[in-house]
C-alpha atoms as a PDB file:
ATOM      1  CA  ARG A   1     -31.282 -88.692  34.748  1.00  0.00           C
ATOM      2  CA  VAL A   2     -32.247 -85.043  34.058  1.00  0.00           C
ATOM      3  CA  THR A   3     -35.756 -86.413  33.103  1.00  0.00           C
ATOM      4  CA  VAL A   4     -36.381 -87.868  36.133  1.00  0.00           C
ATOM      5  CA  LEU A   5     -35.058 -85.064  38.403  1.00  0.00           C
ATOM      6  CA  VAL A   6     -36.712 -82.340  36.702  1.00  0.00           C
ATOM      7  CA  GLY A   7     -40.264 -84.555  36.155  1.00  0.00           C
ATOM      8  CA  ALA A   8     -40.206 -85.655  40.084  1.00  0.00           C
ATOM      9  CA  TYR A   9     -39.571 -81.872  40.780  1.00  0.00           C
ATOM     10  CA  LEU A  10     -42.642 -80.824  38.704  1.00  0.00           C
ATOM     11  CA  GLY A  11     -44.773 -83.553  40.103  1.00  0.00           C
ATOM     12  CA  GLU A  12     -43.935 -82.832  43.364  1.00  0.00           C
ATOM     13  CA  VAL A  13     -44.947 -78.975  42.906  1.00  0.00           C
ATOM     14  CA  LEU A  14     -48.223 -80.052  41.524  1.00  0.00           C
ATOM     15  CA  ARG A  15     -48.910 -82.467  44.115  1.00  0.00           C
ATOM     16  CA  GLU A  16     -48.391 -80.053  46.724  1.00  0.00           C
ATOM     17  CA  THR A  17     -49.965 -76.899  44.810  1.00  0.00           C
ATOM     18  CA  ILE A  18     -53.016 -78.737  43.583  1.00  0.00           C
ATOM     19  CA  GLY A  19     -53.246 -81.885  45.726  1.00  0.00           C
ATOM     20  CA  GLY A  20     -52.643 -85.490  44.841  1.00  0.00           C
ATOM     21  CA  ALA A  21     -50.668 -88.566  45.333  1.00  0.00           C
ATOM     22  CA  TRP A  22     -47.972 -90.442  43.395  1.00  0.00           C
ATOM     23  CA  GLU A  23     -49.333 -93.915  42.058  1.00  0.00           C
ATOM     24  CA  LEU A  24     -46.951 -96.396  43.505  1.00  0.00           C
ATOM     25  CA  GLU A  25     -46.744 -99.561  42.162  1.00  0.00           C
ATOM     26  CA  ALA A  26     -44.557-102.397  43.127  1.00  0.00           C
ATOM     27  CA  THR A  27     -43.454-102.957  39.578  1.00  0.00           C
ATOM     28  CA  PRO A  28     -40.181-102.020  37.869  1.00  0.00           C
ATOM     29  CA  VAL A  29     -40.615 -98.576  36.338  1.00  0.00           C
ATOM     30  CA  SER A  30     -39.713 -99.201  32.531  1.00  0.00           C
ATOM     31  CA  GLY A  31     -40.043 -95.760  31.220  1.00  0.00           C
ATOM     32  CA  PRO A  32     -41.280 -91.850  31.817  1.00  0.00           C
ATOM     33  CA  SER A  33     -44.881 -92.872  31.588  1.00  0.00           C
ATOM     34  CA  ASP A  34     -44.486 -95.315  34.606  1.00  0.00           C
ATOM     35  CA  TYR A  35     -44.130 -92.110  36.722  1.00  0.00           C
ATOM     36  CA  ARG A  36     -47.915 -91.329  37.364  1.00  0.00           C
ATOM     37  CA  LEU A  37     -49.325 -88.598  39.509  1.00  0.00           C
ATOM     38  CA  ARG A  38     -53.095 -88.475  40.531  1.00  0.00           C
ATOM     39  CA  LEU A  39     -54.607 -85.169  40.800  1.00  0.00           C
ATOM     40  CA  GLY A  40     -58.263 -85.723  41.844  1.00  0.00           C
ATOM     41  CA  LYS A  41     -59.581 -87.566  39.116  1.00  0.00           C
ATOM     42  CA  ARG A  42     -56.761 -86.765  36.423  1.00  0.00           C
ATOM     43  CA  VAL A  43     -53.750 -89.015  36.119  1.00  0.00           C
ATOM     44  CA  VAL A  44     -50.759 -87.006  34.792  1.00  0.00           C
ATOM     45  CA  THR A  45     -47.379 -88.192  33.794  1.00  0.00           C
ATOM     46  CA  PRO A  46     -44.813 -85.221  34.700  1.00  0.00           C
ATOM     47  CA  VAL A  47     -41.687 -87.094  34.110  1.00  0.00           C
ATOM     48  CA  LEU A  48     -43.131 -87.875  30.395  1.00  0.00           C
ATOM     49  CA  GLU A  49     -43.929 -84.170  29.968  1.00  0.00           C
ATOM     50  CA  VAL A  50     -40.412 -83.164  30.611  1.00  0.00           C
ATOM     51  CA  GLN A  51     -38.920 -86.063  28.495  1.00  0.00           C
ATOM     52  CA  GLN A  52     -41.010 -84.688  25.516  1.00  0.00           C
ATOM     53  CA  ARG A  53     -39.442 -81.160  25.829  1.00  0.00           C
ATOM     54  CA  LEU A  54     -36.026 -82.399  26.402  1.00  0.00           C
ATOM     55  CA  LEU A  55     -36.561 -84.384  23.049  1.00  0.00           C
ATOM     56  CA  ALA A  56     -38.090 -81.318  21.423  1.00  0.00           C
ATOM     57  CA  ARG A  57     -41.268 -83.288  20.842  1.00  0.00           C
ATOM     58  CA  THR A  58     -43.562 -80.378  22.458  1.00  0.00           C
ATOM     59  CA  ALA A  59     -42.762 -76.912  22.407  1.00  0.00           C
ATOM     60  CA  LEU A  60     -45.485 -76.153  25.470  1.00  0.00           C
ATOM     61  CA  PRO A  61     -43.621 -74.401  28.234  1.00  0.00           C
ATOM     62  CA  LEU A  62     -43.811 -76.334  31.568  1.00  0.00           C
ATOM     63  CA  HIS A  63     -45.270 -73.192  33.126  1.00  0.00           C
ATOM     64  CA  ASP A  64     -48.279 -73.628  30.728  1.00  0.00           C
ATOM     65  CA  TYR A  65     -48.469 -77.383  31.461  1.00  0.00           C
ATOM     66  CA  ALA A  66     -48.789 -76.883  34.939  1.00  0.00           C
ATOM     67  CA  SER A  67     -51.131 -73.837  34.602  1.00  0.00           C
ATOM     68  CA  ARG A  68     -53.322 -76.114  32.601  1.00  0.00           C
ATOM     69  CA  LEU A  69     -53.598 -78.876  35.207  1.00  0.00           C
ATOM     70  CA  ALA A  70     -54.031 -76.357  37.999  1.00  0.00           C
ATOM     71  CA  ARG A  71     -57.636 -75.044  36.378  1.00  0.00           C
END
């Protein structure tokens, strides 16, 4: 639950700041990678990024992740 809540919040901040849209499909969500956000030509997965941090699979701070996408 925490993954989806924080990831969705991060995605909304990115969407509002950079400009973009969530990719919505009529299929059921099977995992964090299914929450996709289109930012121009890029497609990012903010919910998956949050999950990777919660599972200690990456140490890159979310601020650095967001800054990299904003460039």
